[in-house]
Amino acid sequence: MKKALMIFLGALTVLSLTIACSGSKYSAEECAPIVDEMLTNLTAGQKPEDAASIATMKATLVPVLQKECMSGKFDLTCLKSAKSIPAIQACKK
């Protein structure tokens, strides 16, 4: 459970440090399914107790991840297929 929490806090930190100040490049409608799929990919293979803690944090993570997606600093196709924190970091343009 601690590992899952640390993974998502790490992702949240990395993505929050890259917020663009110049407005949105993508719409919320474009980013919502990508963020959902990204969270699904990150939780795949987690222990059931870790998956439960991730589900609890999802309400907090989704708005932040969606804002990062909308910033335009990430390749959306890459984000959609990212399965780990390093993979998400590699998606930065």
C-alpha atoms as a PDB file:
ATOM      1  CA  MET A   1       0.000   0.000   0.000  1.00  0.00           C
ATOM      2  CA  LYS A   2       2.851   2.371   0.809  1.00  0.00           C
ATOM      3  CA  LYS A   3       4.463   1.552  -2.523  1.00  0.00           C
ATOM      4  CA  ALA A   4       1.313   2.461  -4.460  1.00  0.00           C
ATOM      5  CA  LEU A   5       0.920   5.651  -2.464  1.00  0.00           C
ATOM      6  CA  MET A   6       4.528   6.622  -3.143  1.00  0.00           C
ATOM      7  CA  ILE A   7       4.143   5.855  -6.855  1.00  0.00           C
ATOM      8  CA  PHE A   8       1.118   8.088  -7.192  1.00  0.00           C
ATOM      9  CA  LEU A   9       2.552  10.851  -5.047  1.00  0.00           C
ATOM     10  CA  GLY A  10       5.666  10.706  -7.215  1.00  0.00           C
ATOM     11  CA  ALA A  11       3.570  10.932 -10.360  1.00  0.00           C
ATOM     12  CA  LEU A  12       1.587  13.781  -8.901  1.00  0.00           C
ATOM     13  CA  THR A  13       4.770  15.644  -7.973  1.00  0.00           C
ATOM     14  CA  VAL A  14       6.412  15.137 -11.357  1.00  0.00           C
ATOM     15  CA  LEU A  15       3.334  16.197 -13.249  1.00  0.00           C
ATOM     16  CA  SER A  16       2.549  19.143 -10.997  1.00  0.00           C
ATOM     17  CA  LEU A  17       6.021  20.567 -11.535  1.00  0.00           C
ATOM     18  CA  THR A  18       5.353  20.813 -15.256  1.00  0.00           C
ATOM     19  CA  ILE A  19       2.153  22.869 -15.225  1.00  0.00           C
ATOM     20  CA  ALA A  20       2.086  25.350 -18.089  1.00  0.00           C
ATOM     21  CA  CYS A  21       1.220  28.936 -17.231  1.00  0.00           C
ATOM     22  CA  SER A  22       0.110  29.807 -20.759  1.00  0.00           C
ATOM     23  CA  GLY A  23      -3.303  28.144 -20.815  1.00  0.00           C
ATOM     24  CA  SER A  24      -4.612  24.863 -22.112  1.00  0.00           C
ATOM     25  CA  LYS A  25      -3.397  23.236 -25.310  1.00  0.00           C
ATOM     26  CA  TYR A  26      -5.886  20.351 -25.146  1.00  0.00           C
ATOM     27  CA  SER A  27      -9.485  20.304 -23.976  1.00  0.00           C
ATOM     28  CA  ALA A  28     -10.783  18.488 -20.920  1.00  0.00           C
ATOM     29  CA  GLU A  29     -12.775  16.256 -23.265  1.00  0.00           C
ATOM     30  CA  GLU A  30      -9.563  15.169 -25.013  1.00  0.00           C
ATOM     31  CA  CYS A  31      -7.713  14.532 -21.767  1.00  0.00           C
ATOM     32  CA  ALA A  32     -10.357  12.770 -19.657  1.00  0.00           C
ATOM     33  CA  PRO A  33     -10.167   9.389 -21.440  1.00  0.00           C
ATOM     34  CA  ILE A  34      -6.372   9.576 -21.588  1.00  0.00           C
ATOM     35  CA  VAL A  35      -6.094  10.221 -17.844  1.00  0.00           C
ATOM     36  CA  ASP A  36      -8.504   7.355 -17.124  1.00  0.00           C
ATOM     37  CA  GLU A  37      -6.511   4.965 -19.287  1.00  0.00           C
ATOM     38  CA  MET A  38      -3.222   6.163 -17.782  1.00  0.00           C
ATOM     39  CA  LEU A  39      -4.511   5.439 -14.252  1.00  0.00           C
ATOM     40  CA  THR A  40      -5.771   2.040 -15.387  1.00  0.00           C
ATOM     41  CA  ASN A  41      -2.352   1.222 -16.849  1.00  0.00           C
ATOM     42  CA  LEU A  42      -0.552   2.350 -13.697  1.00  0.00           C
ATOM     43  CA  THR A  43      -2.768   0.257 -11.436  1.00  0.00           C
ATOM     44  CA  ALA A  44      -2.518  -2.876 -13.583  1.00  0.00           C
ATOM     45  CA  GLY A  45      -0.553  -5.537 -11.784  1.00  0.00           C
ATOM     46  CA  GLN A  46      -0.857  -3.883  -8.373  1.00  0.00           C
ATOM     47  CA  LYS A  47      -1.785  -5.887  -5.297  1.00  0.00           C
ATOM     48  CA  PRO A  48      -5.501  -5.687  -4.398  1.00  0.00           C
ATOM     49  CA  GLU A  49      -4.801  -3.567  -1.308  1.00  0.00           C
ATOM     50  CA  ASP A  50      -2.665  -1.178  -3.373  1.00  0.00           C
ATOM     51  CA  ALA A  51      -5.377  -0.958  -6.015  1.00  0.00           C
ATOM     52  CA  ALA A  52      -7.885  -0.064  -3.287  1.00  0.00           C
ATOM     53  CA  SER A  53      -5.705   2.785  -2.023  1.00  0.00           C
ATOM     54  CA  ILE A  54      -5.231   4.021  -5.579  1.00  0.00           C
ATOM     55  CA  ALA A  55      -8.997   4.014  -6.085  1.00  0.00           C
ATOM     56  CA  THR A  56      -9.316   6.125  -2.941  1.00  0.00           C
ATOM     57  CA  MET A  57      -6.762   8.643  -4.246  1.00  0.00           C
ATOM     58  CA  LYS A  58      -8.267   8.750  -7.743  1.00  0.00           C
ATOM     59  CA  ALA A  59     -10.608  11.639  -6.901  1.00  0.00           C
ATOM     60  CA  THR A  60      -7.594  13.736  -5.924  1.00  0.00           C
ATOM     61  CA  LEU A  61      -5.329  12.625  -8.751  1.00  0.00           C
ATOM     62  CA  VAL A  62      -7.672  12.950 -11.723  1.00  0.00           C
ATOM     63  CA  PRO A  63      -8.011  16.780 -11.677  1.00  0.00           C
ATOM     64  CA  VAL A  64      -4.251  17.255 -11.337  1.00  0.00           C
ATOM     65  CA  LEU A  65      -3.418  14.726 -14.043  1.00  0.00           C
ATOM     66  CA  GLN A  66      -6.050  16.205 -16.332  1.00  0.00           C
ATOM     67  CA  LYS A  67      -4.612  19.694 -15.870  1.00  0.00           C
ATOM     68  CA  GLU A  68      -1.164  18.365 -16.744  1.00  0.00           C
ATOM     69  CA  CYS A  69      -2.548  16.659 -19.822  1.00  0.00           C
ATOM     70  CA  MET A  70      -4.234  19.889 -20.908  1.00  0.00           C
ATOM     71  CA  SER A  71      -0.965  21.829 -20.543  1.00  0.00           C
ATOM     72  CA  GLY A  72       0.296  20.539 -23.888  1.00  0.00           C
ATOM     73  CA  LYS A  73       3.688  19.580 -22.494  1.00  0.00           C
ATOM     74  CA  PHE A  74       3.049  15.856 -22.957  1.00  0.00           C
ATOM     75  CA  ASP A  75       2.457  13.675 -26.004  1.00  0.00           C
ATOM     76  CA  LEU A  76      -1.093  12.394 -25.557  1.00  0.00           C
ATOM     77  CA  THR A  77      -0.511   9.124 -27.416  1.00  0.00           C
ATOM     78  CA  CYS A  78       2.491   8.416 -25.228  1.00  0.00           C
ATOM     79  CA  LEU A  79       0.568   9.236 -22.025  1.00  0.00           C
ATOM     80  CA  LYS A  80      -2.246   6.943 -23.064  1.00  0.00           C
ATOM     81  CA  SER A  81       0.111   3.982 -23.275  1.00  0.00           C
ATOM     82  CA  ALA A  82       2.362   4.831 -20.283  1.00  0.00           C
ATOM     83  CA  LYS A  83       2.506   2.019 -17.750  1.00  0.00           C
ATOM     84  CA  SER A  84       4.976   3.474 -15.224  1.00  0.00           C
ATOM     85  CA  ILE A  85       6.202   6.764 -13.773  1.00  0.00           C
ATOM     86  CA  PRO A  86       9.384   6.760 -15.926  1.00  0.00           C
ATOM     87  CA  ALA A  87       7.216   6.140 -18.993  1.00  0.00           C
ATOM     88  CA  ILE A  88       5.075   9.161 -18.094  1.00  0.00           C
ATOM     89  CA  GLN A  89       8.194  11.294 -17.663  1.00  0.00           C
ATOM     90  CA  ALA A  90       9.427  10.148 -21.083  1.00  0.00           C
ATOM     91  CA  CYS A  91       6.212  11.484 -22.644  1.00  0.00           C
ATOM     92  CA  LYS A  92       7.205  15.088 -21.992  1.00  0.00           C
ATOM     93  CA  LYS A  93       7.714  16.953 -25.255  1.00  0.00           C
END
